[in-house]
């Protein structure tokens, strides 16, 4: 089993639950990052009205149309997380980042897995999700389905329904839990963990910085479901950190032709029932506990589309 986090207890929590908490930014650092964000000029002024970007009312850096803003925001995110990369992670690298801003009364995000961005589907890719204000259910904190990571060989993609499509409402209502965090605390989670967030019902914007991290030796790729392929397989395209800045990610997902082709992988995505989900969840939890108790950890070697997107951003989860 790969060592991902330097703290042994955090490593165990990540493997068993799919997430763990760590202290990250000091009060002074949190204030500094917020001040720098307020100096940025996004295309939608951090307050999307839902008329563009497939109906989302949550500001997301990768969706913003202003290239100069995306460059400035990404530089801020990179410099924010960089001092803590070696402190918390073992042989991981920064791939991309997002600034999430939920205006008051807005910002619901439907249940989903983050997209996978390495050529090895067994890689564990991570998100570091750090609020710059205290977060709880009141202002739309992240909610997770504990233990839901790595239970199916799913390649999350807007071109096909997620495996849990037939029981989204019960999944959210019965199996998710909100994660409260203080400003500057950080949630580190496996990108395959099911998660979502509700509306910001407070009177102030909710600010979160997110970094996407992949194994240091990994090749970063974009998976595109090629509808013209006889078996409708996923085609891999080489993608870099710069790609997330130079192009809006949503545009790359719809038309990755300008990227380098790397070949095809089998599409194993499928729909399952809630009963099967619960069975897989129980089995996955048992397997992780068994592996942790019987194996010693070793360090790694060094180094149709629009409607699906609309559903992703606008799906009512409550």
Protein backbone atom coordinates (compact mmCIF):
# COMPACT_ATOMS: atom_id res chain seq x y z
CA UNK A 1 0.00 0.00 0.00
CA UNK A 2 1.40 3.36 -1.01
CA UNK A 3 2.26 5.92 1.64
CA UNK A 4 0.36 9.04 0.63
CA UNK A 5 0.31 11.12 3.81
CA UNK A 6 3.20 11.58 6.19
CA UNK A 7 0.99 11.39 9.25
CA UNK A 8 0.21 7.72 9.93
CA UNK A 9 -3.22 8.40 11.47
CA UNK A 10 -4.22 10.63 8.56
CA UNK A 11 -3.10 7.92 6.14
CA UNK A 12 -5.33 5.37 7.90
CA UNK A 13 -8.30 7.75 7.87
CA UNK A 14 -7.82 8.48 4.18
CA UNK A 15 -7.76 4.78 3.33
CA UNK A 16 -10.73 3.84 5.50
CA UNK A 17 -13.03 6.86 5.18
CA UNK A 18 -11.81 8.45 1.97
CA UNK A 19 -10.85 11.70 3.67
CA UNK A 20 -8.97 13.22 6.58
CA UNK A 21 -8.50 16.65 8.14
CA UNK A 22 -5.24 18.53 8.66
CA UNK A 23 -4.39 22.03 9.87
CA UNK A 24 -3.12 24.09 6.95
CA UNK A 25 -3.24 27.89 6.95
CA UNK A 26 -2.65 30.11 9.94
CA UNK A 27 -5.05 32.96 10.67
CA UNK A 28 -2.61 35.43 9.11
CA UNK A 29 -2.17 33.27 5.99
CA UNK A 30 -5.93 32.84 5.64
CA UNK A 31 -6.46 36.60 5.82
CA UNK A 32 -3.68 37.19 3.30
CA UNK A 33 -5.17 34.73 0.78
CA UNK A 34 -8.62 36.30 1.18
CA UNK A 35 -7.17 39.76 0.61
CA UNK A 36 -5.42 38.58 -2.54
CA UNK A 37 -8.64 36.98 -3.82
CA UNK A 38 -10.48 40.27 -3.36
CA UNK A 39 -7.95 41.86 -5.69
CA UNK A 40 -8.73 39.41 -8.50
CA UNK A 41 -11.18 40.27 -11.27
CA UNK A 42 -13.18 37.27 -12.42
CA UNK A 43 -15.46 37.40 -15.43
CA UNK A 44 -18.58 36.86 -13.29
CA UNK A 45 -17.38 38.93 -10.32
CA UNK A 46 -17.54 35.79 -8.13
CA UNK A 47 -21.33 35.90 -8.42
CA UNK A 48 -22.62 33.82 -11.37
CA UNK A 49 -26.33 34.27 -11.96
CA UNK A 50 -26.96 30.84 -13.46
CA UNK A 51 -27.60 32.14 -16.98
CA UNK A 52 -24.24 30.85 -18.24
CA UNK A 53 -21.87 28.00 -17.51
CA UNK A 54 -24.67 25.44 -17.61
CA UNK A 55 -26.70 27.02 -14.84
CA UNK A 56 -24.15 26.97 -12.03
CA UNK A 57 -24.41 29.67 -9.37
CA UNK A 58 -21.11 28.63 -7.76
CA UNK A 59 -18.01 30.45 -8.94
CA UNK A 60 -15.38 27.94 -10.14
CA UNK A 61 -12.04 29.11 -11.51
CA UNK A 62 -11.96 26.52 -14.32
CA UNK A 63 -15.27 27.83 -15.68
CA UNK A 64 -14.33 31.49 -15.73
CA UNK A 65 -13.95 33.03 -19.18
CA UNK A 66 -11.23 35.53 -18.25
CA UNK A 67 -7.81 34.06 -19.10
CA UNK A 68 -5.85 36.63 -17.11
CA UNK A 69 -7.99 35.88 -14.05
CA UNK A 70 -7.46 32.11 -14.47
CA UNK A 71 -3.70 32.68 -14.62
CA UNK A 72 -3.68 34.91 -11.53
CA UNK A 73 -5.98 32.64 -9.55
CA UNK A 74 -3.99 29.51 -10.43
CA UNK A 75 -0.75 31.20 -9.39
CA UNK A 76 -2.36 32.15 -6.08
CA UNK A 77 -3.62 28.61 -5.52
CA UNK A 78 -0.25 27.06 -6.40
CA UNK A 79 1.69 29.36 -4.07
CA UNK A 80 -0.87 28.81 -1.31
CA UNK A 81 -0.54 25.02 -1.34
CA UNK A 82 3.14 24.66 -2.31
CA UNK A 83 4.64 25.22 1.18
CA UNK A 84 2.49 22.38 2.53
CA UNK A 85 2.99 19.87 -0.26
CA UNK A 86 6.04 18.17 1.23
CA UNK A 87 4.75 18.63 4.78
CA UNK A 88 1.64 16.51 4.22
CA UNK A 89 2.00 14.52 0.98
CA UNK A 90 4.56 11.93 -0.09
CA UNK A 91 5.69 12.14 -3.73
CA UNK A 92 2.68 14.04 -5.07
CA UNK A 93 2.57 17.04 -7.38
CA UNK A 94 0.17 19.92 -7.99
CA UNK A 95 -1.90 19.53 -11.15
CA UNK A 96 -4.52 22.26 -10.97
CA UNK A 97 -6.60 24.31 -8.58
CA UNK A 98 -9.92 26.04 -8.17
CA UNK A 99 -11.26 28.92 -6.19
CA UNK A 100 -14.84 28.14 -5.17
CA UNK A 101 -17.02 31.08 -4.14
CA UNK A 102 -20.62 30.57 -3.04
CA UNK A 103 -22.58 33.82 -2.94
CA UNK A 104 -25.32 34.09 -0.30
CA UNK A 105 -28.40 32.09 -1.32
CA UNK A 106 -26.57 30.27 -4.12
CA UNK A 107 -24.01 27.65 -4.97
CA UNK A 108 -25.59 24.20 -4.74
CA UNK A 109 -23.44 21.47 -6.29
CA UNK A 110 -24.86 18.01 -7.00
CA UNK A 111 -23.38 14.75 -5.76
CA UNK A 112 -20.42 13.59 -7.82
CA UNK A 113 -16.92 12.16 -7.94
CA UNK A 114 -14.07 14.33 -9.12
CA UNK A 115 -12.73 13.43 -12.53
CA UNK A 116 -9.68 11.18 -12.74
CA UNK A 117 -6.61 12.75 -14.34
CA UNK A 118 -3.89 10.09 -14.56
CA UNK A 119 -3.24 7.32 -17.09
CA UNK A 120 -3.31 4.72 -14.30
CA UNK A 121 -6.85 4.23 -13.01
CA UNK A 122 -5.44 2.64 -9.85
CA UNK A 123 -3.74 5.89 -8.88
CA UNK A 124 -5.19 7.70 -5.89
CA UNK A 125 -5.56 11.34 -6.84
CA UNK A 126 -6.33 13.88 -4.15
CA UNK A 127 -8.13 17.13 -3.53
CA UNK A 128 -7.02 19.49 -0.79
CA UNK A 129 -10.13 21.52 0.08
CA UNK A 130 -9.43 24.45 2.37
CA UNK A 131 -12.11 26.98 3.38
CA UNK A 132 -11.05 30.55 4.11
CA UNK A 133 -14.06 31.06 6.37
CA UNK A 134 -15.63 28.71 8.91
CA UNK A 135 -17.91 26.27 7.09
CA UNK A 136 -20.84 24.09 8.16
CA UNK A 137 -24.26 23.21 6.76
CA UNK A 138 -25.40 26.82 7.11
CA UNK A 139 -23.12 28.14 4.38
CA UNK A 140 -22.98 25.04 2.19
CA UNK A 141 -20.00 23.05 3.40
CA UNK A 142 -18.87 19.90 1.63
CA UNK A 143 -20.79 16.72 2.41
CA UNK A 144 -19.36 13.25 1.81
CA UNK A 145 -20.48 9.64 1.56
CA UNK A 146 -17.94 8.11 3.89
CA UNK A 147 -16.17 5.04 2.50
CA UNK A 148 -17.56 5.48 -1.02
CA UNK A 149 -14.12 5.83 -2.62
CA UNK A 150 -12.67 3.19 -4.90
CA UNK A 151 -15.61 0.79 -4.90
CA UNK A 152 -16.05 0.63 -8.70
CA UNK A 153 -13.72 1.10 -11.71
CA UNK A 154 -15.70 4.19 -12.69
CA UNK A 155 -14.32 6.91 -14.95
CA UNK A 156 -16.44 9.94 -14.01
CA UNK A 157 -17.42 11.74 -17.19
CA UNK A 158 -20.23 14.07 -18.31
CA UNK A 159 -20.95 11.89 -21.35
CA UNK A 160 -22.38 9.03 -19.31
CA UNK A 161 -24.52 8.69 -16.22
CA UNK A 162 -22.72 8.06 -12.93
CA UNK A 163 -23.15 4.59 -11.46
CA UNK A 164 -25.40 5.93 -8.67
CA UNK A 165 -27.85 7.75 -10.96
CA UNK A 166 -30.83 5.58 -10.00
CA UNK A 167 -30.63 6.37 -6.28
CA UNK A 168 -29.18 9.88 -6.01
CA UNK A 169 -31.84 11.22 -3.64
CA UNK A 170 -31.61 8.38 -1.12
CA UNK A 171 -27.82 8.39 -1.39
CA UNK A 172 -27.68 12.03 -0.37
CA UNK A 173 -30.36 11.86 2.30
CA UNK A 174 -29.36 8.59 3.92
CA UNK A 175 -25.63 8.21 3.47
CA UNK A 176 -23.91 11.60 3.40
CA UNK A 177 -22.50 13.66 6.24
CA UNK A 178 -21.51 17.34 6.40
CA UNK A 179 -17.91 18.19 7.24
CA UNK A 180 -17.51 21.29 9.41
CA UNK A 181 -14.15 23.05 9.18
CA UNK A 182 -12.58 26.13 10.67
CA UNK A 183 -11.03 28.71 8.36
CA UNK A 184 -7.59 27.43 7.38
CA UNK A 185 -8.35 23.77 8.13
CA UNK A 186 -8.01 21.44 5.18
CA UNK A 187 -9.95 18.39 4.06
CA UNK A 188 -7.78 15.97 2.08
CA UNK A 189 -9.92 13.49 0.18
CA UNK A 190 -9.67 10.78 -2.45
CA UNK A 191 -11.11 12.20 -5.67
CA UNK A 192 -13.29 9.12 -6.11
CA UNK A 193 -15.13 9.90 -2.85
CA UNK A 194 -18.77 10.83 -3.45
CA UNK A 195 -19.41 14.39 -2.29
CA UNK A 196 -21.69 17.39 -2.80
CA UNK A 197 -22.62 20.69 -1.18
CA UNK A 198 -25.80 22.64 -0.56
CA UNK A 199 -26.82 26.28 -0.87
CA UNK A 200 -25.02 28.96 1.10
CA UNK A 201 -27.80 30.08 3.43
CA UNK A 202 -25.64 32.61 5.26
CA UNK A 203 -25.43 36.32 4.53
CA UNK A 204 -21.74 36.19 3.48
CA UNK A 205 -19.88 34.56 0.58
CA UNK A 206 -18.23 31.21 1.24
CA UNK A 207 -14.63 31.06 0.02
CA UNK A 208 -12.74 27.80 -0.54
CA UNK A 209 -9.39 27.10 -2.21
CA UNK A 210 -8.90 23.67 -3.76
CA UNK A 211 -5.78 21.98 -5.09
CA UNK A 212 -5.76 18.85 -7.26
CA UNK A 213 -2.76 16.57 -6.66
CA UNK A 214 -1.56 13.46 -8.47
CA UNK A 215 1.34 11.02 -7.88
CA UNK A 216 4.67 12.61 -8.82
CA UNK A 217 5.44 9.94 -11.43
CA UNK A 218 1.96 9.95 -13.02
CA UNK A 219 1.14 11.01 -16.56
CA UNK A 220 -1.75 13.49 -16.46
CA UNK A 221 -4.53 12.75 -18.94
CA UNK A 222 -8.04 13.74 -19.89
CA UNK A 223 -10.55 10.92 -20.47
CA UNK A 224 -12.97 11.56 -23.33
CA UNK A 225 -15.79 9.16 -24.16
CA UNK A 226 -15.42 8.77 -27.91
CA UNK A 227 -18.92 8.16 -29.25
CA UNK A 228 -17.48 7.32 -32.70
CA UNK A 229 -15.36 4.46 -31.43
CA UNK A 230 -16.98 1.06 -32.21
CA UNK A 231 -16.97 0.09 -28.51
CA UNK A 232 -17.51 3.68 -27.30
CA UNK A 233 -14.27 3.50 -25.37
CA UNK A 234 -12.61 6.29 -23.44
CA UNK A 235 -9.87 8.03 -25.37
CA UNK A 236 -6.95 9.47 -23.39
CA UNK A 237 -5.47 12.86 -24.19
CA UNK A 238 -2.34 14.27 -22.63
CA UNK A 239 -3.11 17.25 -20.41
CA UNK A 240 -0.85 19.51 -18.36
CA UNK A 241 -1.25 22.04 -15.59
CA UNK A 242 -1.07 24.75 -18.23
CA UNK A 243 -4.00 23.19 -20.09
CA UNK A 244 -6.30 23.94 -17.15
CA UNK A 245 -5.31 27.59 -17.36
CA UNK A 246 -5.07 28.23 -21.09
CA UNK A 247 -8.46 26.63 -21.79
CA UNK A 248 -11.63 26.46 -19.75
CA UNK A 249 -11.84 22.88 -18.57
CA UNK A 250 -15.45 22.61 -19.70
CA UNK A 251 -14.34 23.47 -23.25
CA UNK A 252 -11.59 20.85 -23.19
CA UNK A 253 -14.07 18.22 -22.03
CA UNK A 254 -16.31 18.98 -24.98
CA UNK A 255 -13.56 19.17 -27.58
CA UNK A 256 -10.11 17.81 -26.61
CA UNK A 257 -8.92 17.45 -30.22
CA UNK A 258 -6.13 20.00 -29.75
CA UNK A 259 -4.51 17.76 -27.12
CA UNK A 260 -2.14 14.88 -27.86
CA UNK A 261 -3.87 11.50 -28.27
CA UNK A 262 -2.56 8.69 -26.05
CA UNK A 263 -4.85 5.78 -26.93
CA UNK A 264 -8.01 4.10 -25.68
CA UNK A 265 -9.13 2.35 -22.51
CA UNK A 266 -12.14 0.14 -21.96
CA UNK A 267 -15.33 1.76 -20.76
CA UNK A 268 -16.34 -0.25 -17.67
CA UNK A 269 -18.84 2.29 -16.37
CA UNK A 270 -22.24 0.83 -15.47
CA UNK A 271 -25.33 1.62 -13.47
CA UNK A 272 -25.93 -0.24 -10.22
CA UNK A 273 -28.76 -0.50 -7.72
CA UNK A 274 -28.68 0.96 -4.24
CA UNK A 275 -28.57 -2.57 -2.82
CA UNK A 276 -25.47 -3.36 -4.86
CA UNK A 277 -23.92 -0.06 -3.81
CA UNK A 278 -24.37 -0.91 -0.14
CA UNK A 279 -22.92 -4.38 -0.69
CA UNK A 280 -19.89 -2.94 -2.49
CA UNK A 281 -19.47 -0.32 0.20
CA UNK A 282 -19.42 -2.94 2.96
CA UNK A 283 -17.02 -5.16 1.00
CA UNK A 284 -14.73 -2.25 0.20
CA UNK A 285 -14.55 -1.21 3.85
CA UNK A 286 -13.70 -4.79 4.91
CA UNK A 287 -11.04 -5.11 2.21
CA UNK A 288 -9.36 -1.84 3.21
CA UNK A 289 -9.25 -2.84 6.89
CA UNK A 290 -7.87 -6.29 5.96
CA UNK A 291 -5.15 -4.82 3.77
CA UNK A 292 -4.10 -2.33 6.42
CA UNK A 293 -3.84 -4.99 9.09
CA UNK A 294 -1.92 -7.51 6.96
CA UNK A 295 0.42 -5.47 4.75
CA UNK A 296 3.20 -3.03 5.49
CA UNK A 297 3.25 0.25 3.58
CA UNK A 298 6.01 0.96 1.10
CA UNK A 299 7.02 4.18 -0.54
CA UNK A 300 6.33 4.57 -4.27
CA UNK A 301 8.94 4.72 -6.98
CA UNK A 302 10.04 8.25 -7.59
CA UNK A 303 9.70 9.73 -10.35
CA UNK A 304 -27.24 14.51 -25.16
CA UNK A 305 -22.98 16.59 -23.15
CA UNK A 306 -24.56 19.95 -22.17
CA UNK A 307 -27.50 18.38 -20.42
CA UNK A 308 -25.27 16.19 -18.33
CA UNK A 309 -23.28 19.22 -17.25
CA UNK A 310 -26.49 21.09 -16.45
CA UNK A 311 -27.63 18.17 -14.32
CA UNK A 312 -24.28 18.11 -12.53
CA UNK A 313 -24.49 21.75 -11.50
CA UNK A 314 -28.24 22.12 -11.05
CA UNK A 315 -29.37 18.83 -9.61
CA UNK A 316 -31.44 19.38 -6.46
CA UNK A 317 -30.03 17.26 -3.70
CA UNK A 318 -32.33 18.25 -0.86
